[in-house]
């Protein structure tokens, strides 16, 4: 019975993991087809310089998702503690209870590890986005200074006369 139970749990966890890692469905704007030639659906690449407000929305969603995941993991750890306390108070020798607790411990350890990896990846993405935005700002400032220098250079210099050969003074 325990082998069957563990097999079912493993299959369910695998199915959930595959489902969680599958990409979101691609939706096409009105009037356009989402399918490219060959029948392959592809996501559009993000623009190199999105508006600042549009760039903040995905970051807020990522933080909200991370917070929800942390809350869920916290409640799962609490539930595991309660299950361990119940098993210890009953002095349970039942192998199913022990297997169940062991399965929960392994699953939570794996989920904690995945959560930490996701948190690190999110922080790295935010750092990369901040650096990219700083580079774009720096390039914009440099272009503005060059444009200002070019306009100042045109207005402040006196007009230059065309180069002519001075008349020779032969007697």
N, C-alpha and C. Protein backbone atom coordinates (compact mmCIF):
# COMPACT_ATOMS: atom_id res chain seq x y z
N UNK A 1 0.82 -1.20 0.00
CA UNK A 1 0.00 0.00 0.00
C UNK A 1 0.86 1.26 0.00
N UNK A 2 1.94 1.27 0.76
CA UNK A 2 2.76 2.47 0.84
C UNK A 2 3.49 2.73 -0.46
N UNK A 3 3.86 1.68 -1.18
CA UNK A 3 4.53 1.86 -2.47
C UNK A 3 3.57 2.50 -3.46
N UNK A 4 2.33 2.03 -3.46
CA UNK A 4 1.33 2.61 -4.35
C UNK A 4 1.07 4.07 -3.99
N UNK A 5 0.98 4.35 -2.71
CA UNK A 5 0.73 5.71 -2.25
C UNK A 5 1.89 6.63 -2.64
N UNK A 6 3.10 6.16 -2.44
CA UNK A 6 4.25 6.97 -2.82
C UNK A 6 4.31 7.16 -4.33
N UNK A 7 3.95 6.14 -5.10
CA UNK A 7 3.94 6.26 -6.56
C UNK A 7 2.91 7.29 -7.01
N UNK A 8 1.73 7.27 -6.41
CA UNK A 8 0.68 8.23 -6.76
C UNK A 8 1.13 9.64 -6.39
N UNK A 9 1.72 9.80 -5.23
CA UNK A 9 2.19 11.12 -4.80
C UNK A 9 3.29 11.61 -5.72
N UNK A 10 4.21 10.72 -6.11
CA UNK A 10 5.28 11.12 -7.02
C UNK A 10 4.72 11.55 -8.37
N UNK A 11 3.73 10.84 -8.87
CA UNK A 11 3.11 11.19 -10.15
C UNK A 11 2.41 12.54 -10.04
N UNK A 12 1.69 12.74 -8.95
CA UNK A 12 1.00 14.03 -8.76
C UNK A 12 1.99 15.18 -8.66
N UNK A 13 3.06 15.00 -7.90
CA UNK A 13 4.06 16.06 -7.78
C UNK A 13 4.73 16.35 -9.12
N UNK A 14 5.00 15.31 -9.89
CA UNK A 14 5.60 15.49 -11.20
C UNK A 14 4.65 16.24 -12.13
N UNK A 15 3.38 15.86 -12.12
CA UNK A 15 2.39 16.53 -12.96
C UNK A 15 2.24 17.99 -12.57
N UNK A 16 2.22 18.27 -11.28
CA UNK A 16 2.11 19.66 -10.81
C UNK A 16 3.35 20.45 -11.22
N UNK A 17 4.52 19.84 -11.09
CA UNK A 17 5.75 20.52 -11.48
C UNK A 17 5.79 20.83 -12.96
N UNK A 18 5.35 19.89 -13.79
CA UNK A 18 5.33 20.11 -15.24
C UNK A 18 4.31 21.19 -15.57
N UNK A 19 3.16 21.13 -14.95
CA UNK A 19 2.13 22.14 -15.20
C UNK A 19 2.60 23.52 -14.77
N UNK A 20 3.29 23.62 -13.64
CA UNK A 20 3.75 24.91 -13.14
C UNK A 20 4.84 25.50 -14.02
N UNK A 21 5.61 24.66 -14.69
CA UNK A 21 6.70 25.16 -15.51
C UNK A 21 6.29 25.42 -16.95
N UNK A 22 5.09 25.04 -17.35
CA UNK A 22 4.66 25.27 -18.72
C UNK A 22 4.42 26.76 -18.92
N UNK A 23 4.75 27.29 -20.12
CA UNK A 23 4.58 28.72 -20.36
C UNK A 23 3.10 29.09 -20.46
N UNK A 24 2.85 30.34 -20.18
CA UNK A 24 1.48 30.84 -20.28
C UNK A 24 1.07 30.86 -21.74
N UNK A 25 -0.21 30.67 -22.03
CA UNK A 25 -0.66 30.70 -23.43
C UNK A 25 -0.46 32.09 -24.02
N UNK A 26 -0.12 32.10 -25.30
CA UNK A 26 0.14 33.35 -26.01
C UNK A 26 -1.17 33.83 -26.59
N UNK A 27 -1.50 35.10 -26.33
CA UNK A 27 -2.70 35.68 -26.90
C UNK A 27 -2.27 36.74 -27.90
N UNK A 28 -2.90 36.73 -29.04
CA UNK A 28 -2.56 37.69 -30.10
C UNK A 28 -3.45 38.91 -29.97
N UNK A 29 -2.92 40.08 -30.35
CA UNK A 29 -3.76 41.27 -30.37
C UNK A 29 -4.89 41.10 -31.37
N UNK A 30 -5.95 41.88 -31.19
CA UNK A 30 -7.10 41.77 -32.07
C UNK A 30 -6.68 42.00 -33.51
N UNK A 31 -7.13 41.13 -34.39
CA UNK A 31 -6.84 41.30 -35.81
C UNK A 31 -5.55 40.63 -36.25
N UNK A 32 -4.81 40.03 -35.34
CA UNK A 32 -3.56 39.37 -35.70
C UNK A 32 -3.62 37.93 -35.26
N UNK A 33 -2.92 37.10 -35.99
CA UNK A 33 -2.86 35.68 -35.65
C UNK A 33 -1.68 35.43 -34.74
N UNK A 34 -1.85 34.57 -33.73
CA UNK A 34 -0.76 34.25 -32.83
C UNK A 34 0.19 33.25 -33.44
N UNK A 35 -0.25 32.55 -34.48
CA UNK A 35 0.60 31.52 -35.09
C UNK A 35 1.47 32.12 -36.17
N UNK A 36 2.71 31.73 -36.18
CA UNK A 36 3.64 32.15 -37.21
C UNK A 36 3.68 31.05 -38.26
N UNK A 37 4.28 31.33 -39.41
CA UNK A 37 4.38 30.27 -40.42
C UNK A 37 5.03 29.04 -39.83
N UNK A 38 4.51 27.90 -40.18
CA UNK A 38 5.01 26.65 -39.63
C UNK A 38 4.19 26.21 -38.43
N UNK A 39 3.23 27.02 -38.01
CA UNK A 39 2.36 26.64 -36.91
C UNK A 39 2.99 26.78 -35.54
N UNK A 40 4.09 27.49 -35.40
CA UNK A 40 4.77 27.63 -34.12
C UNK A 40 4.30 28.92 -33.47
N UNK A 41 3.85 28.82 -32.23
CA UNK A 41 3.47 30.01 -31.48
C UNK A 41 4.69 30.54 -30.76
N UNK A 42 4.94 31.83 -30.89
CA UNK A 42 6.09 32.45 -30.23
C UNK A 42 5.63 33.72 -29.55
N UNK A 43 6.29 34.00 -28.45
CA UNK A 43 5.99 35.26 -27.75
C UNK A 43 6.77 36.38 -28.41
N UNK A 44 6.19 37.54 -28.41
CA UNK A 44 6.88 38.70 -28.96
C UNK A 44 7.98 39.13 -28.00
N UNK A 45 9.10 39.54 -28.53
CA UNK A 45 10.20 40.01 -27.71
C UNK A 45 9.82 41.37 -27.12
N UNK A 46 10.20 41.64 -25.88
CA UNK A 46 9.89 42.94 -25.30
C UNK A 46 10.69 44.04 -25.98
N UNK A 47 10.14 45.22 -25.99
CA UNK A 47 10.83 46.35 -26.59
C UNK A 47 12.04 46.68 -25.74
N UNK A 48 13.12 47.19 -26.37
CA UNK A 48 14.33 47.45 -25.61
C UNK A 48 14.17 48.53 -24.55
N UNK A 49 13.30 49.50 -24.77
CA UNK A 49 13.14 50.57 -23.80
C UNK A 49 11.66 50.75 -23.50
N UNK A 50 11.08 49.89 -22.64
CA UNK A 50 9.67 50.05 -22.31
C UNK A 50 9.47 51.28 -21.43
N UNK A 51 8.24 51.72 -21.38
CA UNK A 51 7.97 52.87 -20.53
C UNK A 51 8.22 52.49 -19.08
N UNK A 52 8.53 53.45 -18.28
CA UNK A 52 8.88 53.16 -16.89
C UNK A 52 7.71 52.59 -16.11
N UNK A 53 6.51 53.08 -16.39
CA UNK A 53 5.34 52.56 -15.67
C UNK A 53 5.05 51.12 -16.07
N UNK A 54 5.20 50.81 -17.33
CA UNK A 54 4.96 49.44 -17.79
C UNK A 54 6.00 48.51 -17.19
N UNK A 55 7.23 48.98 -16.99
CA UNK A 55 8.29 48.16 -16.43
C UNK A 55 8.07 47.87 -14.95
N UNK A 56 7.36 48.73 -14.27
CA UNK A 56 7.14 48.53 -12.84
C UNK A 56 6.06 47.48 -12.58
N UNK A 57 5.09 47.34 -13.46
CA UNK A 57 3.99 46.41 -13.23
C UNK A 57 4.47 44.97 -13.13
N UNK A 58 5.30 44.46 -14.05
CA UNK A 58 5.76 43.08 -13.89
C UNK A 58 6.58 42.87 -12.62
N UNK A 59 7.35 43.86 -12.21
CA UNK A 59 8.12 43.71 -10.99
C UNK A 59 7.20 43.60 -9.78
N UNK A 60 6.14 44.37 -9.77
CA UNK A 60 5.19 44.28 -8.67
C UNK A 60 4.50 42.92 -8.66
N UNK A 61 4.17 42.40 -9.84
CA UNK A 61 3.55 41.09 -9.91
C UNK A 61 4.51 40.00 -9.43
N UNK A 62 5.79 40.12 -9.81
CA UNK A 62 6.78 39.14 -9.36
C UNK A 62 6.92 39.17 -7.84
N UNK A 63 6.97 40.37 -7.27
CA UNK A 63 7.06 40.47 -5.81
C UNK A 63 5.82 39.91 -5.13
N UNK A 64 4.65 40.17 -5.73
CA UNK A 64 3.41 39.66 -5.15
C UNK A 64 3.40 38.13 -5.22
N UNK A 65 3.82 37.57 -6.34
CA UNK A 65 3.87 36.11 -6.46
C UNK A 65 4.85 35.50 -5.47
N UNK A 66 6.02 36.13 -5.34
CA UNK A 66 7.00 35.63 -4.38
C UNK A 66 6.44 35.69 -2.96
N UNK A 67 5.74 36.75 -2.64
CA UNK A 67 5.16 36.88 -1.31
C UNK A 67 4.10 35.81 -1.07
N UNK A 68 3.27 35.54 -2.10
CA UNK A 68 2.26 34.49 -1.97
C UNK A 68 2.91 33.12 -1.78
N UNK A 69 3.98 32.89 -2.54
CA UNK A 69 4.68 31.61 -2.41
C UNK A 69 5.29 31.46 -1.02
N UNK A 70 5.87 32.54 -0.51
CA UNK A 70 6.46 32.49 0.82
C UNK A 70 5.39 32.22 1.87
N UNK A 71 4.24 32.84 1.72
CA UNK A 71 3.14 32.62 2.65
C UNK A 71 2.66 31.17 2.59
N UNK A 72 2.52 30.66 1.38
CA UNK A 72 2.08 29.27 1.22
C UNK A 72 3.09 28.31 1.83
N UNK A 73 4.37 28.53 1.57
CA UNK A 73 5.40 27.67 2.15
C UNK A 73 5.40 27.74 3.67
N UNK A 74 5.19 28.93 4.19
CA UNK A 74 5.13 29.10 5.64
C UNK A 74 3.97 28.31 6.24
N UNK A 75 2.81 28.37 5.60
CA UNK A 75 1.66 27.61 6.11
C UNK A 75 1.88 26.11 5.97
N UNK A 76 2.58 25.70 4.91
CA UNK A 76 2.88 24.28 4.75
C UNK A 76 3.85 23.80 5.84
N UNK A 77 4.83 24.63 6.19
CA UNK A 77 5.74 24.29 7.27
C UNK A 77 5.00 24.19 8.61
N UNK A 78 4.05 25.10 8.81
CA UNK A 78 3.25 25.07 10.04
C UNK A 78 2.43 23.78 10.10
N UNK A 79 1.83 23.42 8.98
CA UNK A 79 1.05 22.19 8.92
C UNK A 79 1.93 20.97 9.19
N UNK A 80 3.13 20.95 8.63
CA UNK A 80 4.05 19.84 8.87
C UNK A 80 4.40 19.75 10.35
N UNK A 81 4.67 20.90 10.98
CA UNK A 81 4.97 20.90 12.42
C UNK A 81 3.80 20.31 13.21
N UNK A 82 2.57 20.71 12.85
CA UNK A 82 1.40 20.18 13.54
C UNK A 82 1.28 18.67 13.35
N UNK A 83 1.54 18.21 12.14
CA UNK A 83 1.47 16.78 11.86
C UNK A 83 2.54 16.02 12.67
N UNK A 84 3.74 16.59 12.75
CA UNK A 84 4.81 15.96 13.53
C UNK A 84 4.45 15.93 15.01
N UNK A 85 3.87 17.03 15.51
CA UNK A 85 3.46 17.07 16.92
C UNK A 85 2.38 16.04 17.22
N UNK A 86 1.38 15.91 16.31
CA UNK A 86 0.33 14.92 16.50
C UNK A 86 0.90 13.51 16.51
N UNK A 87 1.81 13.26 15.57
CA UNK A 87 2.40 11.92 15.50
C UNK A 87 3.23 11.63 16.74
N UNK A 88 3.93 12.64 17.24
CA UNK A 88 4.75 12.44 18.44
C UNK A 88 3.87 12.28 19.68
N UNK A 89 2.78 13.01 19.77
CA UNK A 89 1.91 12.91 20.95
C UNK A 89 1.17 11.58 20.99
N UNK A 90 0.86 11.02 19.83
CA UNK A 90 0.17 9.74 19.78
C UNK A 90 1.16 8.58 19.88
N UNK A 91 2.44 8.92 19.81
CA UNK A 91 3.49 7.91 19.82
C UNK A 91 3.20 6.87 18.74
N UNK A 92 2.90 7.39 17.56
CA UNK A 92 2.47 6.55 16.45
C UNK A 92 3.62 5.72 15.91
N UNK A 93 3.35 4.46 15.75
CA UNK A 93 4.32 3.54 15.17
C UNK A 93 3.87 3.14 13.76
N UNK A 94 2.80 3.74 13.30
CA UNK A 94 2.23 3.40 11.99
C UNK A 94 3.21 3.80 10.88
N UNK A 95 3.60 2.88 10.02
CA UNK A 95 4.55 3.21 8.96
C UNK A 95 3.96 4.18 7.93
N UNK A 96 2.64 4.18 7.76
CA UNK A 96 2.02 5.11 6.81
C UNK A 96 2.19 6.54 7.31
N UNK A 97 2.01 6.76 8.59
CA UNK A 97 2.18 8.10 9.16
C UNK A 97 3.63 8.55 9.01
N UNK A 98 4.56 7.63 9.30
CA UNK A 98 5.98 7.98 9.16
C UNK A 98 6.33 8.30 7.71
N UNK A 99 5.79 7.48 6.79
CA UNK A 99 6.05 7.73 5.37
C UNK A 99 5.43 9.05 4.92
N UNK A 100 4.25 9.33 5.42
CA UNK A 100 3.58 10.59 5.07
C UNK A 100 4.40 11.79 5.57
N UNK A 101 4.87 11.71 6.80
CA UNK A 101 5.69 12.80 7.34
C UNK A 101 7.00 12.95 6.55
N UNK A 102 7.60 11.83 6.22
CA UNK A 102 8.84 11.88 5.46
C UNK A 102 8.61 12.48 4.07
N UNK A 103 7.49 12.12 3.44
CA UNK A 103 7.15 12.68 2.14
C UNK A 103 6.96 14.19 2.22
N UNK A 104 6.26 14.65 3.25
CA UNK A 104 6.04 16.08 3.44
C UNK A 104 7.37 16.81 3.66
N UNK A 105 8.24 16.21 4.46
CA UNK A 105 9.54 16.83 4.72
C UNK A 105 10.35 16.96 3.44
N UNK A 106 10.37 15.90 2.65
CA UNK A 106 11.12 15.94 1.38
C UNK A 106 10.51 16.96 0.42
N UNK A 107 9.19 16.96 0.33
CA UNK A 107 8.52 17.89 -0.57
C UNK A 107 8.78 19.34 -0.16
N UNK A 108 8.68 19.63 1.12
CA UNK A 108 8.91 21.00 1.58
C UNK A 108 10.37 21.41 1.42
N UNK A 109 11.28 20.48 1.63
CA UNK A 109 12.69 20.81 1.40
C UNK A 109 12.92 21.15 -0.06
N UNK A 110 12.30 20.39 -0.95
CA UNK A 110 12.43 20.66 -2.39
C UNK A 110 11.79 22.00 -2.75
N UNK A 111 10.61 22.26 -2.22
CA UNK A 111 9.93 23.53 -2.51
C UNK A 111 10.70 24.72 -1.95
N UNK A 112 11.30 24.56 -0.77
CA UNK A 112 12.12 25.63 -0.21
C UNK A 112 13.31 25.92 -1.12
N UNK A 113 13.91 24.87 -1.63
CA UNK A 113 15.06 25.03 -2.52
C UNK A 113 14.64 25.74 -3.81
N UNK A 114 13.52 25.35 -4.39
CA UNK A 114 13.04 26.00 -5.60
C UNK A 114 12.66 27.46 -5.33
N UNK A 115 12.05 27.72 -4.20
CA UNK A 115 11.68 29.08 -3.85
C UNK A 115 12.93 29.96 -3.73
N UNK A 116 13.96 29.45 -3.09
CA UNK A 116 15.20 30.22 -2.93
C UNK A 116 15.82 30.51 -4.30
N UNK A 117 15.82 29.52 -5.19
CA UNK A 117 16.35 29.74 -6.54
C UNK A 117 15.53 30.79 -7.28
N UNK A 118 14.22 30.74 -7.15
CA UNK A 118 13.36 31.73 -7.80
C UNK A 118 13.60 33.12 -7.22
N UNK A 119 13.78 33.20 -5.92
CA UNK A 119 14.03 34.49 -5.28
C UNK A 119 15.35 35.08 -5.78
N UNK A 120 16.38 34.25 -5.87
CA UNK A 120 17.68 34.72 -6.35
C UNK A 120 17.58 35.15 -7.81
N UNK A 121 16.86 34.38 -8.63
CA UNK A 121 16.70 34.74 -10.04
C UNK A 121 15.94 36.05 -10.18
N UNK A 122 14.94 36.25 -9.34
CA UNK A 122 14.17 37.50 -9.39
C UNK A 122 15.04 38.69 -9.00
N UNK A 123 15.85 38.52 -7.96
CA UNK A 123 16.76 39.61 -7.56
C UNK A 123 17.77 39.90 -8.66
N UNK A 124 18.28 38.87 -9.31
CA UNK A 124 19.24 39.06 -10.40
C UNK A 124 18.58 39.78 -11.57
N UNK A 125 17.33 39.42 -11.88
CA UNK A 125 16.61 40.08 -12.97
C UNK A 125 16.38 41.55 -12.64
N UNK A 126 16.01 41.83 -11.40
CA UNK A 126 15.80 43.23 -11.00
C UNK A 126 17.10 44.02 -11.09
N UNK A 127 18.21 43.41 -10.67
CA UNK A 127 19.50 44.07 -10.77
C UNK A 127 19.85 44.35 -12.22
N UNK A 128 19.61 43.37 -13.09
CA UNK A 128 19.89 43.55 -14.51
C UNK A 128 19.03 44.65 -15.10
N UNK A 129 17.76 44.68 -14.74
CA UNK A 129 16.86 45.73 -15.23
C UNK A 129 17.30 47.11 -14.74
N UNK A 130 17.74 47.19 -13.49
CA UNK A 130 18.21 48.48 -12.95
C UNK A 130 19.46 48.94 -13.68
N UNK A 131 20.37 48.01 -13.94
CA UNK A 131 21.59 48.37 -14.68
C UNK A 131 21.26 48.80 -16.10
N UNK A 132 20.34 48.08 -16.73
CA UNK A 132 19.94 48.42 -18.10
C UNK A 132 19.32 49.81 -18.13
N UNK A 133 18.45 50.10 -17.18
CA UNK A 133 17.82 51.42 -17.13
C UNK A 133 18.87 52.51 -16.89
N UNK A 134 19.85 52.22 -16.04
CA UNK A 134 20.91 53.20 -15.79
C UNK A 134 21.73 53.44 -17.05
N UNK A 135 22.00 52.40 -17.81
CA UNK A 135 22.75 52.57 -19.06
C UNK A 135 21.95 53.40 -20.06
N UNK A 136 20.64 53.14 -20.16
CA UNK A 136 19.81 53.94 -21.05
C UNK A 136 19.77 55.40 -20.60
N UNK A 137 19.66 55.63 -19.30
CA UNK A 137 19.66 57.01 -18.80
C UNK A 137 20.99 57.69 -19.08
N UNK A 138 22.08 56.96 -18.90
CA UNK A 138 23.40 57.51 -19.16
C UNK A 138 23.54 57.85 -20.65
N UNK A 139 23.06 56.98 -21.52
CA UNK A 139 23.13 57.25 -22.96
C UNK A 139 22.26 58.45 -23.33
N UNK A 140 21.08 58.56 -22.71
CA UNK A 140 20.22 59.71 -22.97
C UNK A 140 20.87 61.01 -22.52
N UNK A 141 21.50 60.99 -21.35
CA UNK A 141 22.17 62.19 -20.86
C UNK A 141 23.34 62.58 -21.77
N UNK A 142 24.09 61.60 -22.21
CA UNK A 142 25.22 61.86 -23.10
C UNK A 142 24.74 62.44 -24.42
N UNK A 143 23.66 61.89 -24.96
CA UNK A 143 23.11 62.41 -26.21
C UNK A 143 22.59 63.82 -26.03
N UNK A 144 21.96 64.09 -24.88
CA UNK A 144 21.45 65.44 -24.62
C UNK A 144 22.60 66.43 -24.50
N UNK A 145 23.71 66.04 -23.82
CA UNK A 145 24.87 66.92 -23.71
C UNK A 145 25.50 67.18 -25.06
N UNK A 146 25.61 66.14 -25.88
CA UNK A 146 26.18 66.31 -27.22
C UNK A 146 25.30 67.21 -28.07
N UNK A 147 23.99 67.05 -27.96
CA UNK A 147 23.08 67.90 -28.72
C UNK A 147 23.19 69.34 -28.24
N UNK A 148 23.29 69.53 -26.92
CA UNK A 148 23.43 70.88 -26.37
C UNK A 148 24.74 71.50 -26.83
N UNK A 149 25.82 70.71 -26.80
CA UNK A 149 27.12 71.22 -27.24
C UNK A 149 27.08 71.56 -28.72
N UNK A 150 26.39 70.77 -29.51
CA UNK A 150 26.30 71.04 -30.95
C UNK A 150 25.52 72.33 -31.21
N UNK A 151 24.43 72.55 -30.46
CA UNK A 151 23.66 73.78 -30.68
C UNK A 151 24.41 74.98 -30.14
N UNK A 152 25.13 74.83 -29.02
CA UNK A 152 25.93 75.93 -28.49
C UNK A 152 27.08 76.25 -29.43
N UNK A 153 27.67 75.25 -30.02
CA UNK A 153 28.79 75.44 -30.93
C UNK A 153 28.37 76.19 -32.18
N UNK A 154 27.16 75.98 -32.66
CA UNK A 154 26.68 76.66 -33.87
C UNK A 154 26.38 78.12 -33.60
N UNK A 155 25.86 78.47 -32.44
CA UNK A 155 25.42 79.84 -32.18
C UNK A 155 26.53 80.71 -31.60
N UNK A 156 27.51 80.15 -30.90
CA UNK A 156 28.50 80.98 -30.24
C UNK A 156 29.70 81.32 -31.11
N UNK A 157 29.97 80.57 -32.17
CA UNK A 157 31.14 80.84 -33.00
C UNK A 157 30.76 81.85 -34.08
N UNK A 158 31.67 82.81 -34.33
CA UNK A 158 31.38 83.76 -35.41
C UNK A 158 31.48 83.03 -36.74
N UNK A 159 30.77 83.51 -37.72
CA UNK A 159 30.83 82.85 -39.01
C UNK A 159 32.24 82.89 -39.57
N UNK A 160 32.69 81.83 -40.12
CA UNK A 160 34.04 81.74 -40.66
C UNK A 160 33.99 82.11 -42.13
N UNK A 161 34.89 83.04 -42.51
CA UNK A 161 34.96 83.46 -43.92
C UNK A 161 35.61 82.35 -44.72
N UNK A 162 35.23 82.24 -45.96
CA UNK A 162 35.86 81.21 -46.77
C UNK A 162 37.35 81.49 -46.92
N UNK A 163 38.09 80.45 -46.97
CA UNK A 163 39.54 80.57 -47.06
C UNK A 163 39.92 81.12 -48.43
N UNK A 164 40.66 82.20 -48.39
CA UNK A 164 41.13 82.79 -49.66
C UNK A 164 42.63 82.98 -49.57
N UNK A 165 43.25 83.02 -50.71
CA UNK A 165 44.68 83.24 -50.77
C UNK A 165 44.90 84.74 -50.70
N UNK A 166 45.79 85.19 -49.80
CA UNK A 166 46.00 86.63 -49.73
C UNK A 166 46.65 87.12 -51.02
N UNK A 167 46.31 88.31 -51.39
CA UNK A 167 46.91 88.85 -52.61
C UNK A 167 48.42 88.98 -52.45
N UNK A 168 49.07 88.66 -53.50
CA UNK A 168 50.52 88.75 -53.44
C UNK A 168 50.94 90.19 -53.59
N UNK A 169 52.00 90.55 -52.98
CA UNK A 169 52.49 91.94 -53.02
C UNK A 169 53.78 92.00 -53.82
N UNK A 170 53.72 91.72 -55.08
CA UNK A 170 54.91 91.82 -55.94
C UNK A 170 55.00 93.23 -56.51
N UNK A 171 56.20 93.80 -56.51
CA UNK A 171 56.34 95.16 -57.06
C UNK A 171 56.51 95.17 -58.53
